[in-house]
Amino acid sequence: MLVKQAQGTEANPWGTAPCGPLITATYRRGVLRAKVTLSDLTCRSARIDSMEALKPGMLVWITLPGIEARPAIVDWTSGFTAGLRFEAPLHPAVLDAILDGRIGSVH
């Protein structure tokens, strides 16, 4: 089951290479909207490569394939890479569907 594999990656991945599939998501902060590469997806967190240097504590919105935009807090940053913590965790079945590619494209 993919959720069991993904749950083990919730620790802060400072300096480690992204793991799991790379997912194209939509990122929004204020009026800025852009596509981002998302990795290390778990029920509670994700890593993104963004177009701007974010700061810990910032609120951003992430739209994952096939689901509505979700608020997330920036936990850590390293250049243009940021670790996000979702305000409300993803349901494990939704996480599995995203990781398996069973949920549609980005809105």
PDB file of N, CA and C in Angstrom:
ATOM      1  N   MET A   1       0.849  -1.186   0.000  1.00  0.00           N
ATOM      2  CA  MET A   1       0.000   0.000   0.000  1.00  0.00           C
ATOM      3  C   MET A   1       0.888   1.241   0.000  1.00  0.00           C
ATOM      4  N   LEU A   2       0.622   2.190  -0.857  1.00  0.00           N
ATOM      5  CA  LEU A   2       1.462   3.362  -0.999  1.00  0.00           C
ATOM      6  C   LEU A   2       1.471   4.259   0.221  1.00  0.00           C
ATOM      7  N   VAL A   3       0.372   4.328   0.959  1.00  0.00           N
ATOM      8  CA  VAL A   3       0.323   5.200   2.126  1.00  0.00           C
ATOM      9  C   VAL A   3       1.374   4.793   3.139  1.00  0.00           C
ATOM     10  N   LYS A   4       1.553   3.500   3.362  1.00  0.00           N
ATOM     11  CA  LYS A   4       2.550   3.053   4.327  1.00  0.00           C
ATOM     12  C   LYS A   4       3.948   3.484   3.906  1.00  0.00           C
ATOM     13  N   GLN A   5       4.249   3.452   2.615  1.00  0.00           N
ATOM     14  CA  GLN A   5       5.553   3.897   2.141  1.00  0.00           C
ATOM     15  C   GLN A   5       5.703   5.404   2.328  1.00  0.00           C
ATOM     16  N   ALA A   6       4.679   6.154   2.010  1.00  0.00           N
ATOM     17  CA  ALA A   6       4.761   7.610   2.071  1.00  0.00           C
ATOM     18  C   ALA A   6       4.807   8.114   3.500  1.00  0.00           C
ATOM     19  N   GLN A   7       4.164   7.447   4.445  1.00  0.00           N
ATOM     20  CA  GLN A   7       4.124   7.940   5.811  1.00  0.00           C
ATOM     21  C   GLN A   7       5.504   7.983   6.445  1.00  0.00           C
ATOM     22  N   GLY A   8       6.419   7.176   6.006  1.00  0.00           N
ATOM     23  CA  GLY A   8       7.746   7.169   6.575  1.00  0.00           C
ATOM     24  C   GLY A   8       8.595   8.355   6.169  1.00  0.00           C
ATOM     25  N   THR A   9       8.135   9.226   5.279  1.00  0.00           N
ATOM     26  CA  THR A   9       8.926  10.348   4.792  1.00  0.00           C
ATOM     27  C   THR A   9       8.495  11.670   5.396  1.00  0.00           C
ATOM     28  N   GLU A  10       7.779  11.664   6.504  1.00  0.00           N
ATOM     29  CA  GLU A  10       7.258  12.904   7.049  1.00  0.00           C
ATOM     30  C   GLU A  10       8.293  13.751   7.779  1.00  0.00           C
ATOM     31  N   ALA A  11       9.459  13.210   8.079  1.00  0.00           N
ATOM     32  CA  ALA A  11      10.491  14.001   8.732  1.00  0.00           C
ATOM     33  C   ALA A  11      10.999  15.066   7.763  1.00  0.00           C
ATOM     34  N   ASN A  12      11.554  16.149   8.302  1.00  0.00           N
ATOM     35  CA  ASN A  12      12.097  17.222   7.488  1.00  0.00           C
ATOM     36  C   ASN A  12      13.212  16.681   6.600  1.00  0.00           C
ATOM     37  N   PRO A  13      13.075  16.775   5.275  1.00  0.00           N
ATOM     38  CA  PRO A  13      14.042  16.169   4.362  1.00  0.00           C
ATOM     39  C   PRO A  13      15.189  17.102   3.975  1.00  0.00           C
ATOM     40  N   TRP A  14      15.711  17.916   4.891  1.00  0.00           N
ATOM     41  CA  TRP A  14      16.791  18.850   4.578  1.00  0.00           C
ATOM     42  C   TRP A  14      17.900  18.152   3.824  1.00  0.00           C
ATOM     43  N   GLY A  15      18.200  18.652   2.654  1.00  0.00           N
ATOM     44  CA  GLY A  15      19.340  18.187   1.905  1.00  0.00           C
ATOM     45  C   GLY A  15      19.195  16.833   1.240  1.00  0.00           C
ATOM     46  N   THR A  16      18.096  16.162   1.395  1.00  0.00           N
ATOM     47  CA  THR A  16      17.930  14.858   0.766  1.00  0.00           C
ATOM     48  C   THR A  16      17.260  15.024  -0.588  1.00  0.00           C
ATOM     49  N   ALA A  17      17.500  14.076  -1.463  1.00  0.00           N
ATOM     50  CA  ALA A  17      16.858  14.098  -2.777  1.00  0.00           C
ATOM     51  C   ALA A  17      15.379  13.783  -2.609  1.00  0.00           C
ATOM     52  N   PRO A  18      14.501  14.379  -3.441  1.00  0.00           N
ATOM     53  CA  PRO A  18      13.072  14.068  -3.352  1.00  0.00           C
ATOM     54  C   PRO A  18      12.824  12.579  -3.568  1.00  0.00           C
ATOM     55  N   CYS A  19      11.824  12.068  -2.873  1.00  0.00           N
ATOM     56  CA  CYS A  19      11.462  10.667  -3.083  1.00  0.00           C
ATOM     57  C   CYS A  19      10.000  10.587  -3.500  1.00  0.00           C
ATOM     58  N   GLY A  20       9.630   9.451  -4.035  1.00  0.00           N
ATOM     59  CA  GLY A  20       8.268   9.282  -4.518  1.00  0.00           C
ATOM     60  C   GLY A  20       8.108   9.931  -5.879  1.00  0.00           C
ATOM     61  N   PRO A  21       6.921   9.839  -6.436  1.00  0.00           N
ATOM     62  CA  PRO A  21       6.699  10.408  -7.768  1.00  0.00           C
ATOM     63  C   PRO A  21       6.716  11.933  -7.739  1.00  0.00           C
ATOM     64  N   LEU A  22       7.143  12.533  -8.842  1.00  0.00           N
ATOM     65  CA  LEU A  22       7.049  13.982  -9.011  1.00  0.00           C
ATOM     66  C   LEU A  22       5.669  14.275  -9.567  1.00  0.00           C
ATOM     67  N   ILE A  23       4.973  15.205  -8.962  1.00  0.00           N
ATOM     68  CA  ILE A  23       3.595  15.522  -9.324  1.00  0.00           C
ATOM     69  C   ILE A  23       3.527  16.988  -9.725  1.00  0.00           C
ATOM     70  N   THR A  24       2.852  17.283 -10.819  1.00  0.00           N
ATOM     71  CA  THR A  24       2.622  18.671 -11.199  1.00  0.00           C
ATOM     72  C   THR A  24       1.399  19.160 -10.449  1.00  0.00           C
ATOM     73  N   ALA A  25       1.564  20.254  -9.726  1.00  0.00           N
ATOM     74  CA  ALA A  25       0.472  20.842  -8.941  1.00  0.00           C
ATOM     75  C   ALA A  25       0.421  22.335  -9.248  1.00  0.00           C
ATOM     76  N   THR A  26      -0.639  22.984  -8.805  1.00  0.00           N
ATOM     77  CA  THR A  26      -0.756  24.426  -8.947  1.00  0.00           C
ATOM     78  C   THR A  26      -0.523  25.058  -7.585  1.00  0.00           C
ATOM     79  N   TYR A  27       0.280  26.107  -7.595  1.00  0.00           N
ATOM     80  CA  TYR A  27       0.662  26.827  -6.385  1.00  0.00           C
ATOM     81  C   TYR A  27       0.055  28.221  -6.449  1.00  0.00           C
ATOM     82  N   ARG A  28      -0.434  28.716  -5.324  1.00  0.00           N
ATOM     83  CA  ARG A  28      -0.990  30.083  -5.285  1.00  0.00           C
ATOM     84  C   ARG A  28      -0.601  30.739  -3.977  1.00  0.00           C
ATOM     85  N   ARG A  29      -0.092  31.961  -4.080  1.00  0.00           N
ATOM     86  CA  ARG A  29       0.188  32.793  -2.915  1.00  0.00           C
ATOM     87  C   ARG A  29      -0.158  34.214  -3.318  1.00  0.00           C
ATOM     88  N   GLY A  30      -1.192  34.771  -2.688  1.00  0.00           N
ATOM     89  CA  GLY A  30      -1.666  36.088  -3.102  1.00  0.00           C
ATOM     90  C   GLY A  30      -2.156  36.025  -4.536  1.00  0.00           C
ATOM     91  N   VAL A  31      -1.634  36.917  -5.390  1.00  0.00           N
ATOM     92  CA  VAL A  31      -2.051  36.937  -6.796  1.00  0.00           C
ATOM     93  C   VAL A  31      -1.171  36.054  -7.670  1.00  0.00           C
ATOM     94  N   LEU A  32      -0.054  35.568  -7.147  1.00  0.00           N
ATOM     95  CA  LEU A  32       0.846  34.715  -7.916  1.00  0.00           C
ATOM     96  C   LEU A  32       0.285  33.310  -8.019  1.00  0.00           C
ATOM     97  N   ARG A  33       0.177  32.814  -9.247  1.00  0.00           N
ATOM     98  CA  ARG A  33      -0.243  31.437  -9.507  1.00  0.00           C
ATOM     99  C   ARG A  33       0.766  30.823 -10.454  1.00  0.00           C
ATOM    100  N   ALA A  34       1.130  29.591 -10.182  1.00  0.00           N
ATOM    101  CA  ALA A  34       2.104  28.928 -11.047  1.00  0.00           C
ATOM    102  C   ALA A  34       1.996  27.424 -10.886  1.00  0.00           C
ATOM    103  N   LYS A  35       2.495  26.708 -11.884  1.00  0.00           N
ATOM    104  CA  LYS A  35       2.622  25.253 -11.771  1.00  0.00           C
ATOM    105  C   LYS A  35       3.927  24.990 -11.029  1.00  0.00           C
ATOM    106  N   VAL A  36       3.920  24.001 -10.151  1.00  0.00           N
ATOM    107  CA  VAL A  36       5.114  23.625  -9.403  1.00  0.00           C
ATOM    108  C   VAL A  36       5.298  22.123  -9.467  1.00  0.00           C
ATOM    109  N   THR A  37       6.507  21.692  -9.202  1.00  0.00           N
ATOM    110  CA  THR A  37       6.793  20.272  -9.065  1.00  0.00           C
ATOM    111  C   THR A  37       6.708  19.937  -7.599  1.00  0.00           C
ATOM    112  N   LEU A  38       5.890  18.958  -7.271  1.00  0.00           N
ATOM    113  CA  LEU A  38       5.653  18.551  -5.893  1.00  0.00           C
ATOM    114  C   LEU A  38       6.215  17.139  -5.721  1.00  0.00           C
ATOM    115  N   SER A  39       6.868  16.889  -4.594  1.00  0.00           N
ATOM    116  CA  SER A  39       7.408  15.563  -4.308  1.00  0.00           C
ATOM    117  C   SER A  39       7.270  15.287  -2.814  1.00  0.00           C
ATOM    118  N   ASP A  40       7.720  14.135  -2.382  1.00  0.00           N
ATOM    119  CA  ASP A  40       7.671  13.741  -0.975  1.00  0.00           C
ATOM    120  C   ASP A  40       6.273  13.914  -0.377  1.00  0.00           C
ATOM    121  N   LEU A  41       5.241  13.612  -1.147  1.00  0.00           N
ATOM    122  CA  LEU A  41       3.867  13.795  -0.701  1.00  0.00           C
ATOM    123  C   LEU A  41       3.486  12.758   0.341  1.00  0.00           C
ATOM    124  N   THR A  42       2.977  13.234   1.480  1.00  0.00           N
ATOM    125  CA  THR A  42       2.407  12.386   2.520  1.00  0.00           C
ATOM    126  C   THR A  42       1.023  12.944   2.841  1.00  0.00           C
ATOM    127  N   CYS A  43       0.338  12.337   3.771  1.00  0.00           N
ATOM    128  CA  CYS A  43      -0.980  12.853   4.168  1.00  0.00           C
ATOM    129  C   CYS A  43      -0.872  14.255   4.765  1.00  0.00           C
ATOM    130  N   ARG A  44       0.243  14.559   5.407  1.00  0.00           N
ATOM    131  CA  ARG A  44       0.390  15.827   6.116  1.00  0.00           C
ATOM    132  C   ARG A  44       1.349  16.831   5.493  1.00  0.00           C
ATOM    133  N   SER A  45       2.189  16.409   4.544  1.00  0.00           N
ATOM    134  CA  SER A  45       3.217  17.326   4.064  1.00  0.00           C
ATOM    135  C   SER A  45       3.610  17.033   2.621  1.00  0.00           C
ATOM    136  N   ALA A  46       4.393  17.958   2.064  1.00  0.00           N
ATOM    137  CA  ALA A  46       4.927  17.808   0.710  1.00  0.00           C
ATOM    138  C   ALA A  46       6.110  18.747   0.553  1.00  0.00           C
ATOM    139  N   ARG A  47       6.873  18.516  -0.485  1.00  0.00           N
ATOM    140  CA  ARG A  47       7.987  19.384  -0.843  1.00  0.00           C
ATOM    141  C   ARG A  47       7.670  19.960  -2.216  1.00  0.00           C
ATOM    142  N   ILE A  48       7.924  21.263  -2.413  1.00  0.00           N
ATOM    143  CA  ILE A  48       7.727  21.866  -3.731  1.00  0.00           C
ATOM    144  C   ILE A  48       8.990  22.580  -4.174  1.00  0.00           C
ATOM    145  N   ASP A  49       9.158  22.657  -5.470  1.00  0.00           N
ATOM    146  CA  ASP A  49      10.160  23.514  -6.092  1.00  0.00           C
ATOM    147  C   ASP A  49       9.374  24.658  -6.699  1.00  0.00           C
ATOM    148  N   SER A  50       9.553  25.876  -6.165  1.00  0.00           N
ATOM    149  CA  SER A  50       8.725  27.012  -6.576  1.00  0.00           C
ATOM    150  C   SER A  50       9.521  28.017  -7.396  1.00  0.00           C
ATOM    151  N   MET A  51       8.831  29.051  -7.830  1.00  0.00           N
ATOM    152  CA  MET A  51       9.433  30.114  -8.632  1.00  0.00           C
ATOM    153  C   MET A  51       9.963  31.247  -7.768  1.00  0.00           C
ATOM    154  N   GLU A  52       9.690  31.208  -6.490  1.00  0.00           N
ATOM    155  CA  GLU A  52      10.121  32.272  -5.598  1.00  0.00           C
ATOM    156  C   GLU A  52      10.658  31.671  -4.304  1.00  0.00           C
ATOM    157  N   ALA A  53      11.485  32.432  -3.628  1.00  0.00           N
ATOM    158  CA  ALA A  53      12.022  31.981  -2.346  1.00  0.00           C
ATOM    159  C   ALA A  53      10.968  32.252  -1.272  1.00  0.00           C
ATOM    160  N   LEU A  54      10.404  31.210  -0.721  1.00  0.00           N
ATOM    161  CA  LEU A  54       9.385  31.339   0.320  1.00  0.00           C
ATOM    162  C   LEU A  54      10.049  31.460   1.680  1.00  0.00           C
ATOM    163  N   LYS A  55       9.265  31.853   2.675  1.00  0.00           N
ATOM    164  CA  LYS A  55       9.772  31.976   4.040  1.00  0.00           C
ATOM    165  C   LYS A  55       8.929  31.101   4.964  1.00  0.00           C
ATOM    166  N   PRO A  56       9.557  30.474   5.949  1.00  0.00           N
ATOM    167  CA  PRO A  56       8.786  29.672   6.910  1.00  0.00           C
ATOM    168  C   PRO A  56       7.664  30.495   7.540  1.00  0.00           C
ATOM    169  N   GLY A  57       6.510  29.857   7.679  1.00  0.00           N
ATOM    170  CA  GLY A  57       5.334  30.506   8.254  1.00  0.00           C
ATOM    171  C   GLY A  57       4.374  31.073   7.227  1.00  0.00           C
ATOM    172  N   MET A  58       4.802  31.196   5.966  1.00  0.00           N
ATOM    173  CA  MET A  58       3.909  31.712   4.918  1.00  0.00           C
ATOM    174  C   MET A  58       2.782  30.732   4.643  1.00  0.00           C
ATOM    175  N   LEU A  59       1.621  31.271   4.288  1.00  0.00           N
ATOM    176  CA  LEU A  59       0.476  30.456   3.874  1.00  0.00           C
ATOM    177  C   LEU A  59       0.449  30.410   2.353  1.00  0.00           C
ATOM    178  N   VAL A  60       0.357  29.209   1.795  1.00  0.00           N
ATOM    179  CA  VAL A  60       0.227  29.022   0.347  1.00  0.00           C
ATOM    180  C   VAL A  60      -0.930  28.064   0.107  1.00  0.00           C
ATOM    181  N   TRP A  61      -1.416  28.047  -1.114  1.00  0.00           N
ATOM    182  CA  TRP A  61      -2.492  27.133  -1.498  1.00  0.00           C
ATOM    183  C   TRP A  61      -1.948  26.211  -2.574  1.00  0.00           C
ATOM    184  N   ILE A  62      -2.166  24.917  -2.405  1.00  0.00           N
ATOM    185  CA  ILE A  62      -1.700  23.909  -3.349  1.00  0.00           C
ATOM    186  C   ILE A  62      -2.917  23.169  -3.898  1.00  0.00           C
ATOM    187  N   THR A  63      -2.992  23.094  -5.226  1.00  0.00           N
ATOM    188  CA  THR A  63      -4.043  22.308  -5.870  1.00  0.00           C
ATOM    189  C   THR A  63      -3.391  21.062  -6.443  1.00  0.00           C
ATOM    190  N   LEU A  64      -3.723  19.929  -5.863  1.00  0.00           N
ATOM    191  CA  LEU A  64      -3.229  18.634  -6.323  1.00  0.00           C
ATOM    192  C   LEU A  64      -4.158  18.110  -7.410  1.00  0.00           C
ATOM    193  N   PRO A  65      -3.664  17.205  -8.251  1.00  0.00           N
ATOM    194  CA  PRO A  65      -4.500  16.685  -9.338  1.00  0.00           C
ATOM    195  C   PRO A  65      -5.845  16.139  -8.851  1.00  0.00           C
ATOM    196  N   GLY A  66      -6.917  16.687  -9.411  1.00  0.00           N
ATOM    197  CA  GLY A  66      -8.251  16.163  -9.146  1.00  0.00           C
ATOM    198  C   GLY A  66      -8.919  16.573  -7.850  1.00  0.00           C
ATOM    199  N   ILE A  67      -8.270  17.387  -7.016  1.00  0.00           N
ATOM    200  CA  ILE A  67      -8.914  17.824  -5.772  1.00  0.00           C
ATOM    201  C   ILE A  67      -8.809  19.339  -5.640  1.00  0.00           C
ATOM    202  N   GLU A  68      -9.619  19.906  -4.755  1.00  0.00           N
ATOM    203  CA  GLU A  68      -9.652  21.354  -4.590  1.00  0.00           C
ATOM    204  C   GLU A  68      -8.382  21.869  -3.922  1.00  0.00           C
ATOM    205  N   ALA A  69      -8.156  23.167  -4.015  1.00  0.00           N
ATOM    206  CA  ALA A  69      -6.982  23.805  -3.415  1.00  0.00           C
ATOM    207  C   ALA A  69      -6.973  23.585  -1.907  1.00  0.00           C
ATOM    208  N   ARG A  70      -5.776  23.336  -1.377  1.00  0.00           N
ATOM    209  CA  ARG A  70      -5.608  23.072   0.053  1.00  0.00           C
ATOM    210  C   ARG A  70      -4.618  24.072   0.626  1.00  0.00           C
ATOM    211  N   PRO A  71      -4.945  24.689   1.776  1.00  0.00           N
ATOM    212  CA  PRO A  71      -3.972  25.592   2.401  1.00  0.00           C
ATOM    213  C   PRO A  71      -2.833  24.797   3.037  1.00  0.00           C
ATOM    214  N   ALA A  72      -1.633  25.372   2.953  1.00  0.00           N
ATOM    215  CA  ALA A  72      -0.460  24.743   3.547  1.00  0.00           C
ATOM    216  C   ALA A  72       0.451  25.830   4.102  1.00  0.00           C
ATOM    217  N   ILE A  73       1.155  25.500   5.157  1.00  0.00           N
ATOM    218  CA  ILE A  73       2.107  26.409   5.795  1.00  0.00           C
ATOM    219  C   ILE A  73       3.517  25.986   5.387  1.00  0.00           C
ATOM    220  N   VAL A  74       4.359  26.950   5.062  1.00  0.00           N
ATOM    221  CA  VAL A  74       5.751  26.658   4.738  1.00  0.00           C
ATOM    222  C   VAL A  74       6.471  26.345   6.051  1.00  0.00           C
ATOM    223  N   ASP A  75       7.017  25.133   6.166  1.00  0.00           N
ATOM    224  CA  ASP A  75       7.744  24.697   7.364  1.00  0.00           C
ATOM    225  C   ASP A  75       9.224  25.028   7.279  1.00  0.00           C
ATOM    226  N   TRP A  76       9.819  24.821   6.120  1.00  0.00           N
ATOM    227  CA  TRP A  76      11.248  25.046   5.938  1.00  0.00           C
ATOM    228  C   TRP A  76      11.517  25.406   4.489  1.00  0.00           C
ATOM    229  N   THR A  77      12.647  26.041   4.240  1.00  0.00           N
ATOM    230  CA  THR A  77      13.030  26.389   2.876  1.00  0.00           C
ATOM    231  C   THR A  77      14.523  26.160   2.677  1.00  0.00           C
ATOM    232  N   SER A  78      14.880  25.958   1.433  1.00  0.00           N
ATOM    233  CA  SER A  78      16.274  25.866   1.013  1.00  0.00           C
ATOM    234  C   SER A  78      16.312  26.367  -0.423  1.00  0.00           C
ATOM    235  N   GLY A  79      16.655  27.647  -0.600  1.00  0.00           N
ATOM    236  CA  GLY A  79      16.600  28.257  -1.930  1.00  0.00           C
ATOM    237  C   GLY A  79      15.168  28.333  -2.416  1.00  0.00           C
ATOM    238  N   PHE A  80      14.893  27.707  -3.562  1.00  0.00           N
ATOM    239  CA  PHE A  80      13.549  27.722  -4.134  1.00  0.00           C
ATOM    240  C   PHE A  80      12.780  26.435  -3.820  1.00  0.00           C
ATOM    241  N   THR A  81      13.300  25.632  -2.919  1.00  0.00           N
ATOM    242  CA  THR A  81      12.628  24.417  -2.471  1.00  0.00           C
ATOM    243  C   THR A  81      12.034  24.688  -1.098  1.00  0.00           C
ATOM    244  N   ALA A  82      10.808  24.210  -0.880  1.00  0.00           N
ATOM    245  CA  ALA A  82      10.141  24.447   0.404  1.00  0.00           C
ATOM    246  C   ALA A  82       9.415  23.191   0.860  1.00  0.00           C
ATOM    247  N   GLY A  83       9.409  22.993   2.162  1.00  0.00           N
ATOM    248  CA  GLY A  83       8.629  21.923   2.772  1.00  0.00           C
ATOM    249  C   GLY A  83       7.327  22.509   3.282  1.00  0.00           C
ATOM    250  N   LEU A  84       6.222  21.898   2.908  1.00  0.00           N
ATOM    251  CA  LEU A  84       4.894  22.392   3.284  1.00  0.00           C
ATOM    252  C   LEU A  84       4.214  21.427   4.231  1.00  0.00           C
ATOM    253  N   ARG A  85       3.402  21.965   5.138  1.00  0.00           N
ATOM    254  CA  ARG A  85       2.572  21.166   6.034  1.00  0.00           C
ATOM    255  C   ARG A  85       1.130  21.568   5.766  1.00  0.00           C
ATOM    256  N   PHE A  86       0.309  20.600   5.347  1.00  0.00           N
ATOM    257  CA  PHE A  86      -1.097  20.888   5.063  1.00  0.00           C
ATOM    258  C   PHE A  86      -1.836  21.231   6.349  1.00  0.00           C
ATOM    259  N   GLU A  87      -2.729  22.228   6.286  1.00  0.00           N
ATOM    260  CA  GLU A  87      -3.523  22.591   7.460  1.00  0.00           C
ATOM    261  C   GLU A  87      -4.468  21.458   7.854  1.00  0.00           C
ATOM    262  N   ALA A  88      -4.989  20.738   6.879  1.00  0.00           N
ATOM    263  CA  ALA A  88      -5.833  19.558   7.131  1.00  0.00           C
ATOM    264  C   ALA A  88      -5.227  18.407   6.340  1.00  0.00           C
ATOM    265  N   PRO A  89      -4.910  17.296   6.999  1.00  0.00           N
ATOM    266  CA  PRO A  89      -4.256  16.197   6.291  1.00  0.00           C
ATOM    267  C   PRO A  89      -5.141  15.604   5.190  1.00  0.00           C
ATOM    268  N   LEU A  90      -4.478  15.048   4.186  1.00  0.00           N
ATOM    269  CA  LEU A  90      -5.186  14.316   3.133  1.00  0.00           C
ATOM    270  C   LEU A  90      -5.679  12.994   3.705  1.00  0.00           C
ATOM    271  N   HIS A  91      -6.809  12.544   3.229  1.00  0.00           N
ATOM    272  CA  HIS A  91      -7.287  11.212   3.609  1.00  0.00           C
ATOM    273  C   HIS A  91      -6.348  10.194   2.963  1.00  0.00           C
ATOM    274  N   PRO A  92      -5.992   9.111   3.661  1.00  0.00           N
ATOM    275  CA  PRO A  92      -5.079   8.111   3.092  1.00  0.00           C
ATOM    276  C   PRO A  92      -5.530   7.560   1.737  1.00  0.00           C
ATOM    277  N   ALA A  93      -6.834   7.403   1.526  1.00  0.00           N
ATOM    278  CA  ALA A  93      -7.328   6.899   0.240  1.00  0.00           C
ATOM    279  C   ALA A  93      -7.086   7.917  -0.869  1.00  0.00           C
ATOM    280  N   VAL A  94      -7.210   9.199  -0.556  1.00  0.00           N
ATOM    281  CA  VAL A  94      -6.945  10.249  -1.542  1.00  0.00           C
ATOM    282  C   VAL A  94      -5.458  10.266  -1.870  1.00  0.00           C
ATOM    283  N   LEU A  95      -4.606  10.139  -0.861  1.00  0.00           N
ATOM    284  CA  LEU A  95      -3.166  10.082  -1.097  1.00  0.00           C
ATOM    285  C   LEU A  95      -2.807   8.909  -2.004  1.00  0.00           C
ATOM    286  N   ASP A  96      -3.349   7.747  -1.720  1.00  0.00           N
ATOM    287  CA  ASP A  96      -3.092   6.577  -2.566  1.00  0.00           C
ATOM    288  C   ASP A  96      -3.518   6.833  -4.012  1.00  0.00           C
ATOM    289  N   ALA A  97      -4.690   7.436  -4.196  1.00  0.00           N
ATOM    290  CA  ALA A  97      -5.200   7.693  -5.544  1.00  0.00           C
ATOM    291  C   ALA A  97      -4.302   8.677  -6.298  1.00  0.00           C
ATOM    292  N   ILE A  98      -3.798   9.693  -5.608  1.00  0.00           N
ATOM    293  CA  ILE A  98      -2.898  10.661  -6.248  1.00  0.00           C
ATOM    294  C   ILE A  98      -1.590   9.975  -6.630  1.00  0.00           C
ATOM    295  N   LEU A  99      -1.010   9.229  -5.707  1.00  0.00           N
ATOM    296  CA  LEU A  99       0.264   8.561  -5.962  1.00  0.00           C
ATOM    297  C   LEU A  99       0.162   7.496  -7.036  1.00  0.00           C
ATOM    298  N   ASP A 100      -1.003   6.864  -7.130  1.00  0.00           N
ATOM    299  CA  ASP A 100      -1.226   5.839  -8.166  1.00  0.00           C
ATOM    300  C   ASP A 100      -1.587   6.453  -9.522  1.00  0.00           C
ATOM    301  N   GLY A 101      -1.883   7.760  -9.555  1.00  0.00           N
ATOM    302  CA  GLY A 101      -2.297   8.398 -10.803  1.00  0.00           C
ATOM    303  C   GLY A 101      -3.744   8.129 -11.151  1.00  0.00           C
ATOM    304  N   ARG A 102      -4.563   7.733 -10.156  1.00  0.00           N
ATOM    305  CA  ARG A 102      -5.973   7.426 -10.428  1.00  0.00           C
ATOM    306  C   ARG A 102      -6.862   8.646 -10.346  1.00  0.00           C
ATOM    307  N   ILE A 103      -6.342   9.776  -9.867  1.00  0.00           N
ATOM    308  CA  ILE A 103      -7.131  11.015  -9.816  1.00  0.00           C
ATOM    309  C   ILE A 103      -6.695  11.870 -10.987  1.00  0.00           C
ATOM    310  N   GLY A 104      -7.658  12.578 -11.585  1.00  0.00           N
ATOM    311  CA  GLY A 104      -7.460  13.340 -12.820  1.00  0.00           C
ATOM    312  C   GLY A 104      -6.394  14.416 -12.785  1.00  0.00           C
ATOM    313  N   SER A 105      -6.492  15.330 -13.713  1.00  0.00           N
ATOM    314  CA  SER A 105      -5.496  16.378 -13.883  1.00  0.00           C
ATOM    315  C   SER A 105      -5.749  17.563 -12.959  1.00  0.00           C
ATOM    316  N   VAL A 106      -4.772  18.489 -12.927  1.00  0.00           N
ATOM    317  CA  VAL A 106      -4.874  19.689 -12.100  1.00  0.00           C
ATOM    318  C   VAL A 106      -6.016  20.547 -12.606  1.00  0.00           C
ATOM    319  N   HIS A 107      -6.787  21.150 -11.685  1.00  0.00           N
ATOM    320  CA  HIS A 107      -7.911  22.029 -12.061  1.00  0.00           C
ATOM    321  C   HIS A 107      -7.414  23.234 -12.799  1.00  0.00           C
TER     322      HIS A 107
END
